[in-house]
Amino acid sequence: MQTLILLALVGLGAQLVDGSLGMAYGVTSTTLLLAIGTNPAAASATVHLAEIGTTLASGASHWRFGNVDWKTVARIGIPGAIGSFAGATFLSWLSTELAQPVMSLILLALGLYVLLRFTIQGLPARSDKPLRKRFLVPLGLVGGFMDATGGGGWGPVGTPAILASGRMEPRKVIGTIDTSEFFVAIAASLGFFVGLSGEGVTWSWAVALLIGGLIAAPIAAWIVRFVPPRVLGSLVGGVIVLTNARTLMRSDWLATPQPVMWVVYGVIVAVWVAAVAWSTRGHLRTRAAERAPEPAAAAR
């Protein structure tokens, strides 16, 4: 029972982050499942089963608040589903001994990307140019494949890429990515059932994650207009990096001595704290600049 309550709280927290930032539900949830010893393919399958419900609720909530661009949902969601199915069948084929460090390495890379992306760059300027299929289709294929093999990745790949284009306002990027992830979650679940035949999937865990996510979905869709994404991105990126670095160092691949592990933990935490502080300062500077009066108005 304690495990189910913990998973429900993780699902709630992960969905609050995902619905506010447009990423990290799958990465956060899968990281926890791997940390407690779940089979990598089963962990990703469990998370994607929960995501069928959470992405549906999140998409409906974002639609209610006007955060969804439906043309982009169709253009990125279909290739995302194709890439996700391929990634799920590929991960199911790998042995557990090989899959766990591979998945942790992917999650670590995604965590570093999220941490650096939001700490250093923040949010890009917006452009009014439309998003094209030749950009969205390969983005969907890569994002879907990464999402299934890494237990998360749709948001970390898709959200920053579309934000970086500057062609859609942040709240619509987040709402569109969260809504299109529904197709990715369904395709990944089908791929895992083909590859695993349902073996290793803990249904009660999926339900617990789902319940937490369903509670958080409408709240996240509402607070996305107020939460500072830059700071949240640095916080989440640090959690993902620290957790998956631990998994990798304890794996047979590295077999890192305990003193070395603690030194690495200390370096990661120090960089993480500095990144959050830097992002907070950057956010406060941006807010101060937005509130500052125009020179002409100040002279009157």
Protein backbone atom coordinates (compact mmCIF):
# COMPACT_ATOMS: atom_id res chain seq x y z
CA MET A 1 0.00 0.00 0.00
CA GLN A 2 2.84 2.40 0.84
CA THR A 3 4.34 1.78 -2.61
CA LEU A 4 1.01 2.56 -4.31
CA ILE A 5 0.60 5.79 -2.32
CA LEU A 6 4.16 6.81 -3.20
CA LEU A 7 3.54 6.09 -6.87
CA ALA A 8 0.31 8.11 -6.80
CA LEU A 9 2.22 11.05 -5.31
CA VAL A 10 4.95 10.64 -7.94
CA GLY A 11 2.29 10.58 -10.66
CA LEU A 12 0.75 13.75 -9.23
CA GLY A 13 4.07 15.56 -9.01
CA ALA A 14 5.26 14.35 -12.39
CA GLN A 15 2.04 15.47 -14.09
CA LEU A 16 2.21 18.88 -12.40
CA VAL A 17 5.69 19.28 -13.87
CA ASP A 18 4.75 17.82 -17.27
CA GLY A 19 1.59 19.87 -17.61
CA SER A 20 3.45 23.04 -16.63
CA LEU A 21 6.67 22.43 -18.54
CA GLY A 22 5.57 20.19 -21.42
CA MET A 23 7.95 17.40 -20.42
CA ALA A 24 9.24 15.03 -17.74
CA TYR A 25 6.21 12.88 -16.70
CA GLY A 26 7.62 9.75 -18.34
CA VAL A 27 11.24 10.53 -17.50
CA THR A 28 10.46 11.21 -13.84
CA SER A 29 8.14 8.22 -13.36
CA THR A 30 10.37 5.76 -15.22
CA THR A 31 13.42 6.93 -13.28
CA LEU A 32 11.63 6.06 -10.02
CA LEU A 33 10.50 2.65 -11.27
CA LEU A 34 14.05 1.82 -12.37
CA ALA A 35 15.39 2.97 -9.00
CA ILE A 36 13.21 0.40 -7.18
CA GLY A 37 14.38 -2.40 -9.47
CA THR A 38 11.69 -2.67 -12.16
CA ASN A 39 12.55 -4.30 -15.49
CA PRO A 40 13.32 -1.43 -17.96
CA ALA A 41 10.81 -2.54 -20.61
CA ALA A 42 8.15 -3.22 -17.97
CA ALA A 43 8.83 0.17 -16.35
CA SER A 44 8.35 2.00 -19.65
CA ALA A 45 5.25 -0.09 -20.43
CA THR A 46 3.73 0.69 -17.00
CA VAL A 47 4.36 4.42 -17.40
CA HIS A 48 2.93 4.50 -20.92
CA LEU A 49 -0.20 2.69 -19.80
CA ALA A 50 -0.71 5.36 -17.15
CA GLU A 51 0.03 8.05 -19.73
CA ILE A 52 -2.92 6.98 -21.89
CA GLY A 53 -5.18 8.37 -19.18
CA THR A 54 -3.02 11.27 -18.01
CA THR A 55 -2.37 12.60 -21.53
CA LEU A 56 -6.08 12.39 -22.35
CA ALA A 57 -6.96 14.34 -19.21
CA SER A 58 -4.09 16.78 -19.76
CA GLY A 59 -5.06 17.35 -23.39
CA ALA A 60 -8.68 18.00 -22.44
CA SER A 61 -7.59 20.44 -19.73
CA HIS A 62 -5.23 22.30 -22.04
CA TRP A 63 -7.95 22.45 -24.71
CA ARG A 64 -10.31 23.92 -22.11
CA PHE A 65 -7.80 26.71 -21.40
CA GLY A 66 -7.04 27.33 -25.11
CA ASN A 67 -3.51 25.91 -25.01
CA VAL A 68 -3.73 23.52 -28.02
CA ASP A 69 -2.85 23.96 -31.71
CA TRP A 70 -4.76 21.06 -33.31
CA LYS A 71 -2.99 21.22 -36.69
CA THR A 72 0.35 20.70 -34.99
CA VAL A 73 -1.11 17.90 -32.85
CA ALA A 74 -1.98 15.92 -35.99
CA ARG A 75 1.27 16.67 -37.82
CA ILE A 76 3.53 15.60 -34.96
CA GLY A 77 1.32 13.04 -33.19
CA ILE A 78 1.02 10.51 -36.05
CA PRO A 79 4.78 10.20 -36.79
CA GLY A 80 5.31 10.23 -33.01
CA ALA A 81 3.07 7.18 -32.68
CA ILE A 82 5.02 5.36 -35.42
CA GLY A 83 8.36 6.11 -33.75
CA SER A 84 6.98 5.12 -30.34
CA PHE A 85 5.75 1.72 -31.54
CA ALA A 86 9.16 1.03 -33.11
CA GLY A 87 10.97 2.08 -29.93
CA ALA A 88 8.76 -0.10 -27.70
CA THR A 89 9.35 -3.23 -29.77
CA PHE A 90 13.10 -2.49 -29.85
CA LEU A 91 13.34 -2.09 -26.05
CA SER A 92 11.31 -5.28 -25.51
CA TRP A 93 13.88 -7.17 -27.60
CA LEU A 94 16.86 -6.07 -25.45
CA SER A 95 17.96 -8.16 -22.48
CA THR A 96 17.35 -6.71 -19.00
CA GLU A 97 21.10 -6.53 -18.26
CA LEU A 98 21.65 -4.40 -21.35
CA ALA A 99 18.38 -2.46 -21.28
CA GLN A 100 18.73 -0.95 -17.79
CA PRO A 101 22.04 0.90 -18.32
CA VAL A 102 20.97 1.86 -21.86
CA MET A 103 17.73 3.39 -20.58
CA SER A 104 19.52 5.13 -17.68
CA LEU A 105 22.03 6.58 -20.15
CA ILE A 106 19.21 7.92 -22.34
CA LEU A 107 17.43 9.37 -19.30
CA LEU A 108 20.68 10.94 -18.08
CA ALA A 109 21.21 12.57 -21.49
CA LEU A 110 17.62 13.86 -21.50
CA GLY A 111 18.06 15.19 -17.96
CA LEU A 112 21.25 17.02 -18.94
CA TYR A 113 19.49 18.44 -21.97
CA VAL A 114 16.57 19.73 -19.90
CA LEU A 115 18.91 21.15 -17.24
CA LEU A 116 21.20 22.95 -19.70
CA ARG A 117 18.42 24.02 -22.05
CA PHE A 118 16.42 25.88 -19.43
CA THR A 119 19.33 27.06 -17.28
CA ILE A 120 21.44 28.56 -20.06
CA GLN A 121 18.96 29.56 -22.75
CA GLY A 122 15.68 30.10 -20.95
CA LEU A 123 12.81 30.70 -23.35
CA PRO A 124 13.42 31.86 -26.96
CA ALA A 125 11.79 34.80 -28.66
CA ARG A 126 8.58 34.07 -30.53
CA SER A 127 8.12 34.19 -34.31
CA ASP A 128 4.84 34.23 -36.24
CA LYS A 129 6.04 31.84 -38.97
CA PRO A 130 4.08 28.54 -39.16
CA LEU A 131 5.58 25.17 -38.27
CA ARG A 132 6.18 22.97 -41.33
CA LYS A 133 5.65 19.24 -41.85
CA ARG A 134 9.28 18.71 -42.86
CA PHE A 135 10.21 19.89 -39.36
CA LEU A 136 7.41 18.20 -37.40
CA VAL A 137 7.46 14.73 -39.02
CA PRO A 138 11.12 13.84 -38.26
CA LEU A 139 10.77 15.50 -34.86
CA GLY A 140 7.79 13.26 -34.11
CA LEU A 141 9.58 10.10 -35.28
CA VAL A 142 12.68 10.79 -33.16
CA GLY A 143 10.69 11.97 -30.15
CA GLY A 144 8.40 8.92 -30.24
CA PHE A 145 11.30 6.48 -30.50
CA MET A 146 13.18 8.19 -27.66
CA ASP A 147 10.02 8.25 -25.54
CA ALA A 148 9.50 4.48 -25.73
CA THR A 149 13.15 3.41 -25.37
CA GLY A 150 13.93 5.91 -22.60
CA GLY A 151 10.63 5.65 -20.73
CA GLY A 152 10.20 9.34 -21.50
CA GLY A 153 11.47 11.78 -24.08
CA TRP A 154 8.49 13.05 -26.01
CA GLY A 155 8.45 16.27 -24.04
CA PRO A 156 12.24 16.75 -23.67
CA VAL A 157 12.66 16.29 -27.43
CA GLY A 158 9.52 18.01 -28.74
CA THR A 159 8.93 20.90 -26.35
CA PRO A 160 12.40 22.56 -26.55
CA ALA A 161 12.57 22.01 -30.32
CA ILE A 162 9.27 23.80 -30.94
CA LEU A 163 10.05 26.45 -28.33
CA ALA A 164 13.43 27.05 -29.98
CA SER A 165 11.71 27.65 -33.31
CA GLY A 166 9.98 30.63 -31.71
CA ARG A 167 6.88 29.97 -33.85
CA MET A 168 4.40 29.23 -31.10
CA GLU A 169 3.80 30.80 -27.70
CA PRO A 170 5.06 28.67 -24.77
CA ARG A 171 1.66 27.77 -23.30
CA LYS A 172 0.48 26.44 -26.68
CA VAL A 173 3.71 24.49 -27.17
CA ILE A 174 3.18 22.77 -23.82
CA GLY A 175 -0.52 22.11 -24.43
CA THR A 176 0.11 20.80 -27.96
CA ILE A 177 2.93 18.46 -26.91
CA ASP A 178 0.92 17.13 -23.97
CA THR A 179 -2.13 16.50 -26.18
CA SER A 180 -0.21 14.79 -29.00
CA GLU A 181 1.47 12.51 -26.45
CA PHE A 182 -1.83 10.63 -26.17
CA PHE A 183 -1.12 9.00 -29.56
CA VAL A 184 2.45 8.24 -28.53
CA ALA A 185 1.30 6.56 -25.30
CA ILE A 186 -1.22 4.33 -27.10
CA ALA A 187 1.31 3.26 -29.76
CA ALA A 188 4.02 2.55 -27.16
CA SER A 189 1.61 0.47 -25.07
CA LEU A 190 0.66 -1.59 -28.13
CA GLY A 191 4.35 -2.06 -28.96
CA PHE A 192 5.14 -3.29 -25.46
CA PHE A 193 2.22 -5.70 -25.48
CA VAL A 194 3.48 -7.11 -28.76
CA GLY A 195 7.02 -7.42 -27.40
CA LEU A 196 6.32 -8.42 -23.79
CA SER A 197 2.87 -10.05 -24.01
CA GLY A 198 1.99 -8.18 -20.82
CA GLU A 199 4.74 -9.85 -18.76
CA GLY A 200 6.32 -7.77 -15.99
CA VAL A 201 3.74 -4.98 -16.19
CA THR A 202 2.34 -4.14 -12.73
CA TRP A 203 -1.20 -2.96 -13.35
CA SER A 204 -1.73 -1.59 -9.84
CA TRP A 205 1.34 0.62 -10.28
CA ALA A 206 -0.01 1.96 -13.58
CA VAL A 207 -3.34 2.74 -11.90
CA ALA A 208 -1.59 4.52 -9.01
CA LEU A 209 0.43 6.67 -11.42
CA LEU A 210 -2.74 7.35 -13.40
CA ILE A 211 -4.73 8.49 -10.37
CA GLY A 212 -2.03 10.94 -9.33
CA GLY A 213 -1.74 12.24 -12.89
CA LEU A 214 -5.50 12.68 -13.28
CA ILE A 215 -5.65 14.80 -10.13
CA ALA A 216 -2.77 17.00 -11.30
CA ALA A 217 -3.73 17.43 -14.99
CA PRO A 218 -6.31 20.26 -14.68
CA ILE A 219 -4.21 22.02 -12.03
CA ALA A 220 -1.13 21.96 -14.28
CA ALA A 221 -3.08 23.25 -17.28
CA TRP A 222 -4.19 26.21 -15.17
CA ILE A 223 -0.83 27.07 -13.55
CA VAL A 224 1.08 26.84 -16.85
CA ARG A 225 0.26 30.51 -17.36
CA PHE A 226 1.96 31.50 -14.08
CA VAL A 227 4.79 29.07 -13.28
CA PRO A 228 8.32 30.12 -14.37
CA PRO A 229 9.33 27.33 -16.83
CA ARG A 230 13.01 28.22 -16.69
CA VAL A 231 13.31 27.53 -12.96
CA LEU A 232 11.12 24.43 -13.12
CA GLY A 233 13.21 23.04 -15.99
CA SER A 234 16.41 23.40 -13.98
CA LEU A 235 14.85 21.73 -10.94
CA VAL A 236 13.50 18.74 -12.88
CA GLY A 237 16.64 18.34 -14.97
CA GLY A 238 18.75 18.09 -11.83
CA VAL A 239 16.55 15.39 -10.30
CA ILE A 240 16.75 13.29 -13.47
CA VAL A 241 20.54 13.68 -13.79
CA LEU A 242 21.23 12.80 -10.14
CA THR A 243 18.96 9.73 -10.08
CA ASN A 244 20.17 8.21 -13.33
CA ALA A 245 23.84 8.95 -12.60
CA ARG A 246 23.34 6.89 -9.44
CA THR A 247 21.81 4.02 -11.44
CA LEU A 248 24.66 4.03 -13.95
CA MET A 249 27.41 4.14 -11.33
CA ARG A 250 25.85 1.18 -9.50
CA SER A 251 25.50 -0.87 -12.70
CA ASP A 252 27.89 -3.63 -13.79
CA TRP A 253 29.05 -1.35 -16.62
CA LEU A 254 30.77 1.09 -14.26
CA ALA A 255 30.84 -0.58 -10.82
CA THR A 256 31.98 2.73 -9.31
CA PRO A 257 33.68 2.64 -5.86
CA GLN A 258 31.62 4.21 -3.06
CA PRO A 259 34.00 7.16 -2.37
CA VAL A 260 34.01 8.11 -6.05
CA MET A 261 30.20 7.92 -6.14
CA TRP A 262 29.90 10.41 -3.28
CA VAL A 263 32.28 12.82 -5.00
CA VAL A 264 30.19 12.61 -8.18
CA TYR A 265 26.99 13.17 -6.17
CA GLY A 266 28.54 16.24 -4.57
CA VAL A 267 29.56 17.70 -7.94
CA ILE A 268 26.10 17.07 -9.43
CA VAL A 269 24.30 18.65 -6.46
CA ALA A 270 26.62 21.68 -6.52
CA VAL A 271 26.03 22.21 -10.25
CA TRP A 272 22.30 21.64 -9.76
CA VAL A 273 22.03 24.25 -6.99
CA ALA A 274 24.03 26.73 -9.08
CA ALA A 275 21.79 26.06 -12.10
CA VAL A 276 18.59 26.68 -10.13
CA ALA A 277 20.05 29.89 -8.68
CA TRP A 278 21.11 31.05 -12.14
CA SER A 279 17.68 30.28 -13.61
CA THR A 280 15.96 32.09 -10.74
CA ARG A 281 18.12 35.18 -11.28
CA GLY A 282 17.47 35.04 -15.01
CA HIS A 283 13.73 34.78 -14.44
CA LEU A 284 13.74 37.72 -12.01
CA ARG A 285 15.79 39.83 -14.46
CA THR A 286 13.32 39.06 -17.24
CA ARG A 287 10.37 40.01 -15.06
CA ALA A 288 12.07 43.24 -14.00
CA ALA A 289 12.76 44.13 -17.64
CA GLU A 290 9.14 43.45 -18.60
CA ARG A 291 7.86 45.67 -15.78
CA ALA A 292 10.30 48.52 -16.47
CA PRO A 293 8.60 51.57 -18.10
CA GLU A 294 9.49 52.54 -21.65
CA PRO A 295 12.13 55.32 -21.86
CA ALA A 296 9.68 57.69 -23.54
CA ALA A 297 7.00 57.05 -20.92
CA ALA A 298 9.49 57.44 -18.07
CA ALA A 299 10.58 60.83 -19.43
CA ARG A 300 7.07 62.31 -19.30
